[in-house]
Amino acid sequence: MPKLRPWYQVVTPRDDLRGNHPLDAPEFAVHLDHILDKRAHGG
């Protein structure tokens, strides 16, 4: 099995996440029912 790279070597976080700004929890919330019935969308 190949070794997985750390997430920070695979993706670059948005500027607001890298800038040590306070996070708004609802922005990162997921409605699991939206995922199950395929209504969820990517940001």
N, C-alpha and C. Protein backbone atom coordinates (compact mmCIF):
# COMPACT_ATOMS: atom_id res chain seq x y z
N MET A 1 0.85 -1.17 0.00
CA MET A 1 0.00 0.00 0.00
C MET A 1 0.91 1.25 0.00
N PRO A 2 0.66 2.21 -0.90
CA PRO A 2 1.49 3.42 -0.92
C PRO A 2 1.22 4.30 0.30
N LYS A 3 2.22 5.00 0.72
CA LYS A 3 2.08 5.89 1.86
C LYS A 3 1.37 7.17 1.43
N LEU A 4 0.40 7.59 2.20
CA LEU A 4 -0.34 8.82 1.89
C LEU A 4 0.45 10.05 2.33
N ARG A 5 0.41 11.08 1.51
CA ARG A 5 1.06 12.34 1.88
C ARG A 5 0.18 13.10 2.86
N PRO A 6 0.77 13.95 3.70
CA PRO A 6 -0.04 14.78 4.61
C PRO A 6 -0.94 15.72 3.80
N TRP A 7 -2.11 16.05 4.35
CA TRP A 7 -3.09 16.87 3.65
C TRP A 7 -2.50 18.19 3.19
N TYR A 8 -1.60 18.79 3.97
CA TYR A 8 -1.07 20.10 3.63
C TYR A 8 -0.07 20.04 2.47
N GLN A 9 0.30 18.85 2.05
CA GLN A 9 1.13 18.70 0.85
C GLN A 9 0.27 18.42 -0.38
N VAL A 10 -1.02 18.16 -0.17
CA VAL A 10 -1.92 17.84 -1.27
C VAL A 10 -2.78 19.04 -1.66
N VAL A 11 -3.22 19.82 -0.69
CA VAL A 11 -4.09 20.97 -0.96
C VAL A 11 -3.50 22.23 -0.31
N THR A 12 -3.91 23.37 -0.83
CA THR A 12 -3.52 24.65 -0.24
C THR A 12 -4.76 25.28 0.38
N PRO A 13 -4.75 25.51 1.70
CA PRO A 13 -5.92 26.12 2.33
C PRO A 13 -6.17 27.53 1.80
N ARG A 14 -7.42 27.95 1.87
CA ARG A 14 -7.79 29.31 1.47
C ARG A 14 -7.02 30.32 2.30
N ASP A 15 -6.91 31.54 1.78
CA ASP A 15 -6.18 32.61 2.47
C ASP A 15 -6.72 32.86 3.88
N ASP A 16 -8.07 32.86 4.02
CA ASP A 16 -8.64 33.14 5.34
C ASP A 16 -8.28 32.06 6.35
N LEU A 17 -8.10 30.83 5.89
CA LEU A 17 -7.71 29.76 6.81
C LEU A 17 -6.22 29.82 7.15
N ARG A 18 -5.41 30.25 6.19
CA ARG A 18 -3.97 30.36 6.44
C ARG A 18 -3.64 31.61 7.24
N GLY A 19 -4.52 32.61 7.23
CA GLY A 19 -4.24 33.89 7.86
C GLY A 19 -4.59 33.97 9.33
N ASN A 20 -4.94 32.85 9.94
CA ASN A 20 -5.25 32.82 11.37
C ASN A 20 -6.43 33.72 11.72
N HIS A 21 -7.43 33.80 10.81
CA HIS A 21 -8.64 34.58 11.07
C HIS A 21 -9.63 33.69 11.83
N PRO A 22 -10.51 34.30 12.62
CA PRO A 22 -11.51 33.48 13.31
C PRO A 22 -12.40 32.75 12.29
N LEU A 23 -12.74 31.51 12.59
CA LEU A 23 -13.55 30.72 11.69
C LEU A 23 -15.02 30.84 12.05
N ASP A 24 -15.87 30.86 11.03
CA ASP A 24 -17.31 30.90 11.22
C ASP A 24 -17.83 29.47 11.08
N ALA A 25 -18.20 28.85 12.19
CA ALA A 25 -18.57 27.44 12.21
C ALA A 25 -19.66 27.08 11.19
N PRO A 26 -20.72 27.88 11.01
CA PRO A 26 -21.75 27.49 10.03
C PRO A 26 -21.21 27.35 8.61
N GLU A 27 -20.15 28.04 8.28
CA GLU A 27 -19.57 27.94 6.95
C GLU A 27 -19.03 26.53 6.69
N PHE A 28 -18.66 25.82 7.74
CA PHE A 28 -18.08 24.50 7.60
C PHE A 28 -19.06 23.38 7.95
N ALA A 29 -20.29 23.76 8.29
CA ALA A 29 -21.29 22.76 8.66
C ALA A 29 -21.74 21.97 7.44
N VAL A 30 -22.08 20.72 7.67
CA VAL A 30 -22.56 19.85 6.60
C VAL A 30 -23.91 19.29 7.01
N HIS A 31 -24.85 19.37 6.10
CA HIS A 31 -26.15 18.74 6.33
C HIS A 31 -26.08 17.34 5.73
N LEU A 32 -26.00 16.33 6.59
CA LEU A 32 -25.82 14.97 6.11
C LEU A 32 -26.98 14.50 5.23
N ASP A 33 -28.19 14.99 5.51
CA ASP A 33 -29.31 14.60 4.66
C ASP A 33 -29.14 15.14 3.24
N HIS A 34 -28.49 16.29 3.08
CA HIS A 34 -28.24 16.83 1.74
C HIS A 34 -27.25 15.96 0.97
N ILE A 35 -26.31 15.38 1.68
CA ILE A 35 -25.35 14.48 1.04
C ILE A 35 -26.05 13.20 0.61
N LEU A 36 -26.87 12.67 1.49
CA LEU A 36 -27.55 11.41 1.18
C LEU A 36 -28.47 11.52 -0.03
N ASP A 37 -29.19 12.65 -0.16
CA ASP A 37 -30.11 12.77 -1.30
C ASP A 37 -29.52 13.62 -2.42
N LYS A 38 -28.19 13.83 -2.39
CA LYS A 38 -27.42 14.47 -3.46
C LYS A 38 -27.82 15.92 -3.72
N ARG A 39 -28.23 16.64 -2.66
CA ARG A 39 -28.51 18.08 -2.81
C ARG A 39 -27.31 18.93 -2.39
N ALA A 40 -26.27 18.30 -1.80
CA ALA A 40 -25.09 19.03 -1.33
C ALA A 40 -24.30 19.54 -2.53
N HIS A 41 -23.63 20.67 -2.34
CA HIS A 41 -22.78 21.22 -3.40
C HIS A 41 -21.43 21.61 -2.83
N GLY A 42 -20.43 21.62 -3.65
CA GLY A 42 -19.08 22.00 -3.24
C GLY A 42 -18.93 23.51 -3.22
N GLY A 43 -17.92 23.96 -2.43
CA GLY A 43 -17.71 25.39 -2.32
C GLY A 43 -16.61 25.91 -3.16
